[in-house]
Amino acid sequence: MTFVLGDRRKGLASRPLREYYSRVLGYLACAAGLAAGTHTQFYSMDQLWLVPYALLYPHLAYHLSYRFRREHAERTAQVLLCLDGLNAGAAMALLGFSRCRASSSYSSSASAR
């Protein structure tokens, strides 16, 4: 409890709010990158549903976890961090980051020599 009061005296937001702001900023950047990639036709239109998901997820996660945060603050933060990692991994797999275009073109040019 002194940790929260100490943060508020310094004019900082509480720890859950800092995590929430960071999560919103991160998912907003991902949504903007995905929207820009779709606009330039780097990503297909089939993956455009990830934009509203990325915009809504941080808010839903914060408000749904608020009830549990009072009793189990550390555990809730760990679960949300694991869900963020799961979302990041799923997004990488869906966007095709597992296939590295640069390395495949490098290996084909190296084998041609």
N, C-alpha and C. Protein backbone atom coordinates (compact mmCIF):
# COMPACT_ATOMS: atom_id res chain seq x y z
N MET A 1 0.82 -1.19 0.00
CA MET A 1 0.00 0.00 0.00
C MET A 1 0.86 1.26 0.00
N THR A 2 2.01 1.21 0.66
CA THR A 2 2.88 2.38 0.67
C THR A 2 3.45 2.64 -0.72
N PHE A 3 3.59 1.58 -1.53
CA PHE A 3 4.09 1.75 -2.88
C PHE A 3 3.13 2.61 -3.70
N VAL A 4 1.85 2.34 -3.58
CA VAL A 4 0.84 3.10 -4.32
C VAL A 4 0.80 4.54 -3.83
N LEU A 5 0.85 4.73 -2.52
CA LEU A 5 0.81 6.09 -1.98
C LEU A 5 2.06 6.86 -2.36
N GLY A 6 3.20 6.19 -2.39
CA GLY A 6 4.43 6.85 -2.78
C GLY A 6 4.39 7.33 -4.22
N ASP A 7 3.80 6.52 -5.09
CA ASP A 7 3.67 6.92 -6.49
C ASP A 7 2.73 8.10 -6.65
N ARG A 8 1.67 8.12 -5.90
CA ARG A 8 0.70 9.20 -6.04
C ARG A 8 1.25 10.51 -5.50
N ARG A 9 2.11 10.43 -4.51
CA ARG A 9 2.71 11.66 -4.00
C ARG A 9 3.65 12.29 -5.01
N LYS A 10 4.27 11.47 -5.82
CA LYS A 10 5.20 11.98 -6.82
C LYS A 10 4.47 12.47 -8.07
N GLY A 11 3.17 12.32 -8.12
CA GLY A 11 2.40 12.76 -9.27
C GLY A 11 2.31 11.71 -10.37
N LEU A 12 2.72 10.48 -10.09
CA LEU A 12 2.66 9.41 -11.07
C LEU A 12 1.34 8.66 -10.94
N ALA A 13 0.96 8.01 -11.99
CA ALA A 13 -0.22 7.15 -11.94
C ALA A 13 0.13 5.89 -11.16
N SER A 14 -0.88 5.21 -10.68
CA SER A 14 -0.65 3.97 -9.95
C SER A 14 -0.11 2.89 -10.90
N ARG A 15 0.41 1.83 -10.35
CA ARG A 15 1.01 0.78 -11.16
C ARG A 15 0.03 0.17 -12.15
N PRO A 16 -1.21 -0.16 -11.75
CA PRO A 16 -2.14 -0.71 -12.75
C PRO A 16 -2.43 0.27 -13.89
N LEU A 17 -2.48 1.54 -13.59
CA LEU A 17 -2.73 2.52 -14.66
C LEU A 17 -1.52 2.66 -15.57
N ARG A 18 -0.32 2.57 -15.03
CA ARG A 18 0.88 2.62 -15.88
C ARG A 18 0.92 1.43 -16.82
N GLU A 19 0.56 0.24 -16.29
CA GLU A 19 0.51 -0.95 -17.14
C GLU A 19 -0.56 -0.79 -18.21
N TYR A 20 -1.69 -0.23 -17.84
CA TYR A 20 -2.79 -0.02 -18.79
C TYR A 20 -2.37 0.96 -19.88
N TYR A 21 -1.75 2.06 -19.51
CA TYR A 21 -1.31 3.04 -20.51
C TYR A 21 -0.27 2.44 -21.45
N SER A 22 0.65 1.66 -20.91
CA SER A 22 1.67 1.01 -21.74
C SER A 22 1.03 0.01 -22.70
N ARG A 23 0.08 -0.75 -22.18
CA ARG A 23 -0.61 -1.74 -23.00
C ARG A 23 -1.39 -1.05 -24.13
N VAL A 24 -2.09 0.03 -23.81
CA VAL A 24 -2.86 0.75 -24.82
C VAL A 24 -1.92 1.32 -25.89
N LEU A 25 -0.82 1.89 -25.49
CA LEU A 25 0.13 2.47 -26.44
C LEU A 25 0.74 1.39 -27.35
N GLY A 26 1.10 0.27 -26.76
CA GLY A 26 1.68 -0.82 -27.56
C GLY A 26 0.71 -1.39 -28.57
N TYR A 27 -0.52 -1.65 -28.14
CA TYR A 27 -1.51 -2.21 -29.05
C TYR A 27 -1.95 -1.18 -30.08
N LEU A 28 -1.94 0.10 -29.73
CA LEU A 28 -2.26 1.15 -30.69
C LEU A 28 -1.20 1.21 -31.78
N ALA A 29 0.05 1.07 -31.41
CA ALA A 29 1.13 1.07 -32.40
C ALA A 29 1.01 -0.15 -33.32
N CYS A 30 0.66 -1.29 -32.76
CA CYS A 30 0.47 -2.49 -33.59
C CYS A 30 -0.70 -2.32 -34.54
N ALA A 31 -1.79 -1.76 -34.06
CA ALA A 31 -2.96 -1.53 -34.91
C ALA A 31 -2.64 -0.55 -36.03
N ALA A 32 -1.89 0.50 -35.71
CA ALA A 32 -1.52 1.47 -36.74
C ALA A 32 -0.60 0.84 -37.78
N GLY A 33 0.34 0.04 -37.34
CA GLY A 33 1.23 -0.64 -38.28
C GLY A 33 0.49 -1.63 -39.16
N LEU A 34 -0.45 -2.34 -38.58
CA LEU A 34 -1.23 -3.30 -39.35
C LEU A 34 -2.14 -2.58 -40.34
N ALA A 35 -2.75 -1.48 -39.92
CA ALA A 35 -3.61 -0.71 -40.83
C ALA A 35 -2.79 -0.13 -41.98
N ALA A 36 -1.61 0.38 -41.67
CA ALA A 36 -0.75 0.93 -42.73
C ALA A 36 -0.28 -0.18 -43.67
N GLY A 37 0.06 -1.33 -43.12
CA GLY A 37 0.49 -2.45 -43.96
C GLY A 37 -0.63 -2.97 -44.83
N THR A 38 -1.85 -2.94 -44.35
CA THR A 38 -2.99 -3.35 -45.15
C THR A 38 -3.27 -2.33 -46.24
N HIS A 39 -3.13 -1.05 -45.89
CA HIS A 39 -3.36 0.01 -46.88
C HIS A 39 -2.36 -0.07 -48.02
N THR A 40 -1.12 -0.39 -47.72
CA THR A 40 -0.10 -0.50 -48.77
C THR A 40 -0.08 -1.89 -49.40
N GLN A 41 -1.00 -2.74 -49.03
CA GLN A 41 -1.18 -4.10 -49.53
C GLN A 41 0.00 -5.01 -49.19
N PHE A 42 0.69 -4.72 -48.09
CA PHE A 42 1.72 -5.61 -47.60
C PHE A 42 1.07 -6.81 -46.90
N TYR A 43 -0.01 -6.53 -46.15
CA TYR A 43 -0.83 -7.57 -45.53
C TYR A 43 -2.13 -7.68 -46.29
N SER A 44 -2.72 -8.86 -46.28
CA SER A 44 -3.98 -9.05 -46.99
C SER A 44 -5.14 -8.47 -46.18
N MET A 45 -6.25 -8.28 -46.86
CA MET A 45 -7.44 -7.73 -46.20
C MET A 45 -8.04 -8.72 -45.21
N ASP A 46 -7.66 -10.00 -45.33
CA ASP A 46 -8.17 -11.01 -44.40
C ASP A 46 -7.68 -10.76 -42.97
N GLN A 47 -6.59 -10.06 -42.83
CA GLN A 47 -6.01 -9.84 -41.50
C GLN A 47 -6.42 -8.49 -40.91
N LEU A 48 -7.29 -7.79 -41.57
CA LEU A 48 -7.72 -6.48 -41.09
C LEU A 48 -8.53 -6.56 -39.81
N TRP A 49 -9.09 -7.72 -39.49
CA TRP A 49 -9.86 -7.87 -38.25
C TRP A 49 -8.96 -7.73 -37.02
N LEU A 50 -7.66 -7.84 -37.21
CA LEU A 50 -6.75 -7.68 -36.08
C LEU A 50 -6.70 -6.23 -35.58
N VAL A 51 -7.05 -5.26 -36.43
CA VAL A 51 -7.01 -3.85 -36.02
C VAL A 51 -8.03 -3.57 -34.92
N PRO A 52 -9.33 -3.89 -35.11
CA PRO A 52 -10.25 -3.64 -33.99
C PRO A 52 -9.94 -4.48 -32.76
N TYR A 53 -9.42 -5.69 -32.97
CA TYR A 53 -9.03 -6.50 -31.82
C TYR A 53 -7.92 -5.83 -31.02
N ALA A 54 -6.92 -5.30 -31.74
CA ALA A 54 -5.80 -4.64 -31.07
C ALA A 54 -6.25 -3.35 -30.38
N LEU A 55 -7.26 -2.71 -30.91
CA LEU A 55 -7.75 -1.49 -30.28
C LEU A 55 -8.64 -1.76 -29.08
N LEU A 56 -9.35 -2.88 -29.07
CA LEU A 56 -10.28 -3.18 -27.98
C LEU A 56 -9.66 -4.01 -26.85
N TYR A 57 -8.69 -4.86 -27.18
CA TYR A 57 -8.15 -5.78 -26.18
C TYR A 57 -7.62 -5.11 -24.91
N PRO A 58 -6.81 -4.05 -25.00
CA PRO A 58 -6.27 -3.49 -23.75
C PRO A 58 -7.36 -2.96 -22.82
N HIS A 59 -8.40 -2.39 -23.38
CA HIS A 59 -9.48 -1.86 -22.55
C HIS A 59 -10.29 -2.99 -21.91
N LEU A 60 -10.57 -4.01 -22.69
CA LEU A 60 -11.29 -5.15 -22.13
C LEU A 60 -10.47 -5.86 -21.06
N ALA A 61 -9.20 -6.03 -21.31
CA ALA A 61 -8.33 -6.70 -20.33
C ALA A 61 -8.27 -5.91 -19.02
N TYR A 62 -8.18 -4.60 -19.12
CA TYR A 62 -8.11 -3.78 -17.91
C TYR A 62 -9.40 -3.85 -17.12
N HIS A 63 -10.52 -3.69 -17.79
CA HIS A 63 -11.79 -3.65 -17.07
C HIS A 63 -12.22 -5.02 -16.56
N LEU A 64 -11.91 -6.08 -17.29
CA LEU A 64 -12.26 -7.41 -16.82
C LEU A 64 -11.36 -7.87 -15.68
N SER A 65 -10.13 -7.40 -15.65
CA SER A 65 -9.21 -7.80 -14.58
C SER A 65 -9.29 -6.90 -13.35
N TYR A 66 -10.06 -5.85 -13.42
CA TYR A 66 -10.12 -4.89 -12.31
C TYR A 66 -10.62 -5.55 -11.03
N ARG A 67 -11.58 -6.44 -11.16
CA ARG A 67 -12.14 -7.12 -9.98
C ARG A 67 -11.09 -7.98 -9.28
N PHE A 68 -10.28 -8.67 -10.05
CA PHE A 68 -9.28 -9.57 -9.47
C PHE A 68 -8.04 -8.81 -8.99
N ARG A 69 -7.82 -7.63 -9.53
CA ARG A 69 -6.62 -6.88 -9.19
C ARG A 69 -6.61 -6.44 -7.73
N ARG A 70 -7.76 -6.23 -7.16
CA ARG A 70 -7.83 -5.81 -5.75
C ARG A 70 -7.29 -6.87 -4.81
N GLU A 71 -7.66 -8.13 -5.07
CA GLU A 71 -7.28 -9.21 -4.17
C GLU A 71 -5.93 -9.84 -4.55
N HIS A 72 -5.66 -9.94 -5.82
CA HIS A 72 -4.46 -10.63 -6.30
C HIS A 72 -3.75 -9.75 -7.32
N ALA A 73 -3.15 -8.68 -6.88
CA ALA A 73 -2.57 -7.70 -7.79
C ALA A 73 -1.41 -8.28 -8.60
N GLU A 74 -0.48 -8.94 -7.94
CA GLU A 74 0.69 -9.46 -8.64
C GLU A 74 0.32 -10.59 -9.59
N ARG A 75 -0.53 -11.46 -9.15
CA ARG A 75 -0.96 -12.59 -9.99
C ARG A 75 -1.71 -12.09 -11.24
N THR A 76 -2.56 -11.08 -11.06
CA THR A 76 -3.30 -10.52 -12.19
C THR A 76 -2.35 -9.88 -13.19
N ALA A 77 -1.35 -9.17 -12.71
CA ALA A 77 -0.37 -8.55 -13.60
C ALA A 77 0.39 -9.61 -14.40
N GLN A 78 0.73 -10.73 -13.75
CA GLN A 78 1.44 -11.80 -14.44
C GLN A 78 0.57 -12.47 -15.50
N VAL A 79 -0.72 -12.66 -15.19
CA VAL A 79 -1.63 -13.26 -16.16
C VAL A 79 -1.81 -12.35 -17.36
N LEU A 80 -1.95 -11.05 -17.12
CA LEU A 80 -2.10 -10.12 -18.22
C LEU A 80 -0.84 -10.07 -19.08
N LEU A 81 0.32 -10.17 -18.46
CA LEU A 81 1.57 -10.20 -19.21
C LEU A 81 1.66 -11.46 -20.06
N CYS A 82 1.22 -12.59 -19.52
CA CYS A 82 1.21 -13.83 -20.31
C CYS A 82 0.24 -13.73 -21.48
N LEU A 83 -0.92 -13.11 -21.26
CA LEU A 83 -1.87 -12.91 -22.35
C LEU A 83 -1.31 -11.98 -23.42
N ASP A 84 -0.56 -10.98 -23.01
CA ASP A 84 0.09 -10.10 -23.98
C ASP A 84 1.09 -10.89 -24.83
N GLY A 85 1.85 -11.75 -24.19
CA GLY A 85 2.80 -12.59 -24.92
C GLY A 85 2.09 -13.55 -25.88
N LEU A 86 0.98 -14.10 -25.44
CA LEU A 86 0.20 -14.99 -26.30
C LEU A 86 -0.35 -14.22 -27.50
N ASN A 87 -0.85 -13.02 -27.26
CA ASN A 87 -1.35 -12.19 -28.36
C ASN A 87 -0.24 -11.83 -29.33
N ALA A 88 0.93 -11.49 -28.82
CA ALA A 88 2.06 -11.13 -29.69
C ALA A 88 2.50 -12.33 -30.53
N GLY A 89 2.57 -13.48 -29.92
CA GLY A 89 2.96 -14.68 -30.67
C GLY A 89 1.95 -15.07 -31.72
N ALA A 90 0.67 -14.97 -31.38
CA ALA A 90 -0.38 -15.28 -32.36
C ALA A 90 -0.36 -14.28 -33.50
N ALA A 91 -0.15 -13.01 -33.19
CA ALA A 91 -0.10 -11.99 -34.24
C ALA A 91 1.09 -12.23 -35.16
N MET A 92 2.24 -12.61 -34.61
CA MET A 92 3.40 -12.89 -35.45
C MET A 92 3.15 -14.08 -36.36
N ALA A 93 2.49 -15.08 -35.83
CA ALA A 93 2.20 -16.26 -36.66
C ALA A 93 1.18 -15.91 -37.75
N LEU A 94 0.15 -15.14 -37.40
CA LEU A 94 -0.87 -14.78 -38.38
C LEU A 94 -0.34 -13.84 -39.47
N LEU A 95 0.59 -12.98 -39.10
CA LEU A 95 1.13 -12.03 -40.07
C LEU A 95 2.28 -12.60 -40.88
N GLY A 96 2.70 -13.80 -40.57
CA GLY A 96 3.72 -14.46 -41.37
C GLY A 96 5.13 -14.05 -41.02
N PHE A 97 5.38 -13.65 -39.78
CA PHE A 97 6.74 -13.27 -39.39
C PHE A 97 7.63 -14.48 -39.21
N SER A 98 7.05 -15.68 -39.23
CA SER A 98 7.87 -16.87 -39.09
C SER A 98 8.62 -17.17 -40.38
N ARG A 99 8.13 -16.65 -41.48
CA ARG A 99 8.82 -16.80 -42.77
C ARG A 99 9.61 -15.52 -43.01
N CYS A 100 10.88 -15.60 -42.88
CA CYS A 100 11.73 -14.42 -43.06
C CYS A 100 12.04 -14.26 -44.54
N ARG A 101 11.55 -13.19 -45.11
CA ARG A 101 11.73 -12.96 -46.55
C ARG A 101 13.19 -12.67 -46.87
N ALA A 102 13.86 -11.95 -46.03
CA ALA A 102 15.26 -11.59 -46.30
C ALA A 102 16.15 -12.82 -46.29
N SER A 103 15.95 -13.71 -45.34
CA SER A 103 16.81 -14.89 -45.27
C SER A 103 16.52 -15.85 -46.41
N SER A 104 15.27 -15.92 -46.85
CA SER A 104 14.97 -16.83 -47.96
C SER A 104 15.58 -16.32 -49.26
N SER A 105 15.59 -15.00 -49.46
CA SER A 105 16.20 -14.47 -50.67
C SER A 105 17.73 -14.57 -50.57
N TYR A 106 18.26 -14.46 -49.36
CA TYR A 106 19.70 -14.61 -49.18
C TYR A 106 20.14 -16.04 -49.46
N SER A 107 19.38 -17.01 -48.97
CA SER A 107 19.77 -18.39 -49.17
C SER A 107 19.67 -18.80 -50.64
N SER A 108 18.69 -18.23 -51.35
CA SER A 108 18.57 -18.58 -52.76
C SER A 108 19.69 -17.94 -53.58
N SER A 109 20.12 -16.73 -53.19
CA SER A 109 21.23 -16.11 -53.93
C SER A 109 22.56 -16.76 -53.57
N ALA A 110 22.69 -17.25 -52.34
CA ALA A 110 23.92 -17.91 -51.94
C ALA A 110 24.05 -19.28 -52.61
N SER A 111 22.93 -19.96 -52.84
CA SER A 111 23.01 -21.27 -53.47
C SER A 111 23.24 -21.16 -54.96
N ALA A 112 22.97 -19.97 -55.54
CA ALA A 112 23.18 -19.80 -56.98
C ALA A 112 24.65 -19.63 -57.31
N ARG A 113 25.48 -19.29 -56.33
CA ARG A 113 26.92 -19.07 -56.59
C ARG A 113 27.62 -20.32 -56.79
